[in-house]
Protein backbone atom coordinates (compact mmCIF):
# COMPACT_ATOMS: atom_id res chain seq x y z
CA UNK A 1 28.56 122.34 147.97
CA UNK A 2 29.27 119.35 150.14
CA UNK A 3 32.54 118.62 151.90
CA UNK A 4 34.43 119.08 155.12
CA UNK A 5 33.08 121.97 157.15
CA UNK A 6 36.40 123.81 157.16
CA UNK A 7 36.56 123.57 153.34
CA UNK A 8 33.01 124.86 152.89
CA UNK A 9 33.75 127.74 155.28
CA UNK A 10 37.02 128.53 153.46
CA UNK A 11 35.22 128.84 150.11
CA UNK A 12 32.43 130.86 151.72
CA UNK A 13 35.02 133.29 153.10
CA UNK A 14 36.53 133.67 149.62
CA UNK A 15 33.06 134.59 148.32
CA UNK A 16 32.33 137.28 150.93
CA UNK A 17 32.97 140.17 148.56
CA UNK A 18 31.11 138.47 145.69
CA UNK A 19 27.60 138.10 147.14
CA UNK A 20 25.96 141.15 145.60
CA UNK A 21 24.35 140.98 142.15
CA UNK A 22 26.73 142.45 139.60
CA UNK A 23 29.73 141.31 141.63
CA UNK A 24 29.36 137.52 141.32
CA UNK A 25 32.45 135.58 140.32
CA UNK A 26 32.45 133.69 137.01
CA UNK A 27 31.05 130.16 137.19
CA UNK A 28 34.39 128.65 136.11
CA UNK A 29 36.15 130.41 138.98
CA UNK A 30 33.56 129.09 141.45
CA UNK A 31 34.07 125.55 140.13
CA UNK A 32 37.84 125.94 140.39
CA UNK A 33 37.50 127.15 143.99
CA UNK A 34 35.32 124.18 144.89
CA UNK A 35 37.76 121.77 143.26
CA UNK A 36 40.72 123.33 145.10
CA UNK A 37 38.89 122.72 148.38
CA UNK A 38 37.70 119.21 147.49
CA UNK A 39 34.00 120.11 147.55
CA UNK A 40 31.19 118.29 145.82
CA UNK A 41 29.41 120.63 143.39
CA UNK A 42 25.64 120.41 142.92
CA UNK A 43 23.85 122.52 140.29
CA UNK A 44 20.76 123.76 142.09
CA UNK A 45 17.47 124.27 140.23
CA UNK A 46 19.02 124.43 136.75
CA UNK A 47 15.86 125.50 134.90
CA UNK A 48 14.58 128.22 137.20
CA UNK A 49 13.98 131.54 135.45
CA UNK A 50 15.86 133.43 138.15
CA UNK A 51 18.93 131.16 137.90
CA UNK A 52 19.18 129.81 134.34
CA UNK A 53 22.01 127.37 135.02
CA UNK A 54 21.06 125.30 131.97
CA UNK A 55 22.22 128.15 129.71
CA UNK A 56 25.86 127.95 130.86
CA UNK A 57 28.71 126.35 128.91
CA UNK A 58 28.10 122.56 128.77
CA UNK A 59 31.82 121.91 129.37
CA UNK A 60 31.54 123.76 132.68
CA UNK A 61 28.25 122.06 133.61
CA UNK A 62 29.93 118.68 133.09
CA UNK A 63 32.25 119.58 135.98
CA UNK A 64 29.28 119.43 138.36
CA UNK A 65 28.84 116.33 140.48
CA UNK A 66 25.04 116.42 140.24
CA UNK A 67 21.97 118.50 139.44
CA UNK A 68 19.23 118.78 142.03
CA UNK A 69 15.64 117.65 141.58
CA UNK A 70 14.26 120.46 143.71
CA UNK A 71 11.00 120.43 145.62
CA UNK A 72 9.98 123.97 144.67
CA UNK A 73 10.57 123.23 140.97
CA UNK A 74 8.52 120.04 141.26
CA UNK A 75 5.79 122.01 143.03
CA UNK A 76 5.71 124.62 140.27
CA UNK A 77 5.91 122.24 137.29
CA UNK A 78 4.78 118.81 138.48
CA UNK A 79 6.92 115.72 139.09
CA UNK A 80 6.73 114.23 135.58
CA UNK A 81 7.01 117.55 133.77
CA UNK A 82 10.12 118.54 135.69
CA UNK A 83 11.61 115.05 135.47
CA UNK A 84 11.11 115.12 131.68
CA UNK A 85 12.95 118.45 131.56
CA UNK A 86 15.93 117.74 133.81
CA UNK A 87 16.61 114.05 133.04
CA UNK A 88 17.55 114.31 129.35
CA UNK A 89 19.52 117.49 130.05
CA UNK A 90 21.55 115.79 132.78
CA UNK A 91 21.98 112.56 130.80
CA UNK A 92 23.34 114.49 127.80
CA UNK A 93 25.97 116.03 130.08
CA UNK A 94 26.66 112.77 131.93
CA UNK A 95 25.76 114.34 135.29
CA UNK A 96 23.47 112.53 137.76
CA UNK A 97 20.28 114.06 139.19
CA UNK A 98 19.74 113.86 142.95
CA UNK A 99 16.94 114.88 145.30
CA UNK A 100 16.72 118.56 146.18
CA UNK A 101 19.82 119.87 147.87
CA UNK A 102 18.59 123.43 148.15
CA UNK A 103 15.99 123.67 150.93
CA UNK A 104 16.14 126.96 152.81
CA UNK A 105 13.21 126.37 155.16
CA UNK A 106 12.87 123.53 157.66
CA UNK A 107 9.22 123.06 156.70
CA UNK A 108 10.36 121.91 153.24
CA UNK A 109 12.87 119.29 154.45
CA UNK A 110 11.97 115.80 153.35
CA UNK A 111 9.95 116.93 150.33
CA UNK A 112 12.38 115.07 148.07
CA UNK A 113 14.98 112.64 149.42
CA UNK A 114 17.65 110.27 148.16
CA UNK A 115 17.36 106.67 149.36
CA UNK A 116 20.81 105.10 149.17
CA UNK A 117 21.18 101.37 148.53
CA UNK A 118 24.14 101.20 150.94
CA UNK A 119 25.19 103.36 153.85
CA UNK A 120 27.91 105.93 153.32
CA UNK A 121 30.14 107.42 155.99
CA UNK A 122 32.28 109.80 153.93
CA UNK A 123 31.65 112.41 151.25
CA UNK A 124 33.70 110.31 148.81
CA UNK A 125 31.53 107.22 149.49
CA UNK A 126 28.39 109.29 148.95
CA UNK A 127 29.80 110.77 145.75
CA UNK A 128 30.65 107.31 144.42
CA UNK A 129 27.20 105.91 145.32
CA UNK A 130 25.54 108.74 143.39
CA UNK A 131 27.95 108.38 140.48
CA UNK A 132 27.17 104.64 140.27
CA UNK A 133 23.40 105.27 140.50
CA UNK A 134 23.06 103.36 143.78
CA UNK A 135 20.14 105.46 145.01
CA UNK A 136 16.52 106.29 144.31
CA UNK A 137 14.80 109.66 144.48
CA UNK A 138 11.67 109.64 146.62
CA UNK A 139 9.10 112.44 146.37
CA UNK A 140 6.99 112.94 149.50
CA UNK A 141 3.23 112.69 149.08
CA UNK A 142 3.17 115.89 151.21
CA UNK A 143 5.46 117.83 148.85
CA UNK A 144 2.86 120.44 147.89
CA UNK A 145 1.93 121.13 151.52
CA UNK A 146 5.57 121.30 152.61
CA UNK A 147 6.61 123.69 149.83
CA UNK A 148 3.54 125.91 150.22
CA UNK A 149 4.07 126.11 154.00
CA UNK A 150 7.75 126.88 153.49
CA UNK A 151 7.08 129.68 151.01
CA UNK A 152 4.37 131.15 153.23
CA UNK A 153 6.69 131.07 156.25
CA UNK A 154 9.45 132.79 154.26
CA UNK A 155 6.98 135.46 153.13
CA UNK A 156 5.79 136.08 156.69
CA UNK A 157 9.35 136.36 157.98
CA UNK A 158 10.19 138.83 155.21
CA UNK A 159 7.11 140.89 156.08
CA UNK A 160 8.25 141.01 159.70
CA UNK A 161 11.59 142.51 158.70
CA UNK A 162 10.15 144.66 155.89
CA UNK A 163 11.86 142.85 152.99
CA UNK A 164 10.24 142.54 149.54
CA UNK A 165 9.19 139.09 148.25
CA UNK A 166 11.70 137.28 146.04
CA UNK A 167 11.14 136.55 142.35
CA UNK A 168 10.46 132.88 143.21
CA UNK A 169 7.82 133.88 145.76
CA UNK A 170 6.20 136.08 143.15
CA UNK A 171 6.23 133.18 140.68
CA UNK A 172 4.52 130.99 143.28
CA UNK A 173 1.86 133.64 143.82
CA UNK A 174 2.57 134.46 147.46
CA UNK A 175 2.99 138.19 147.22
CA UNK A 176 1.28 140.43 149.71
């Protein structure tokens, strides 16, 4: 979600008791919360096996402001393969696709970026630029190296604290 810091923090506080699997709030309720706090809603990695966003009610998905074209998904499937999957899905719903909004490791930053045609200084200006298609998605020629380094770093950090690899790490083949 994108918006004013105090609004993002307010929604995060409302979600504190809903962070454990089996206790998640319904998607509609999450969308309503985001709307009440004037947040921009981005559907992260909609075709990932672990988070099958694409299977949700199309009427709810149409409430999203964008879907992300995520570096890890591109890494796993290839640029054209993933683009051919997400583009018609998003077009059918009338929701734009933007460069990956879901990087959790600094090593992955810049793998996929949005190049805006004009500068934006507010969330509303950014939202309108995306809605009007006044941007291009740029995939870094170093995407594979960035994603692989990011996943390896995450795995090492988890090993240091004794945490098991995630499903995505297993899918990428970086299990111990």
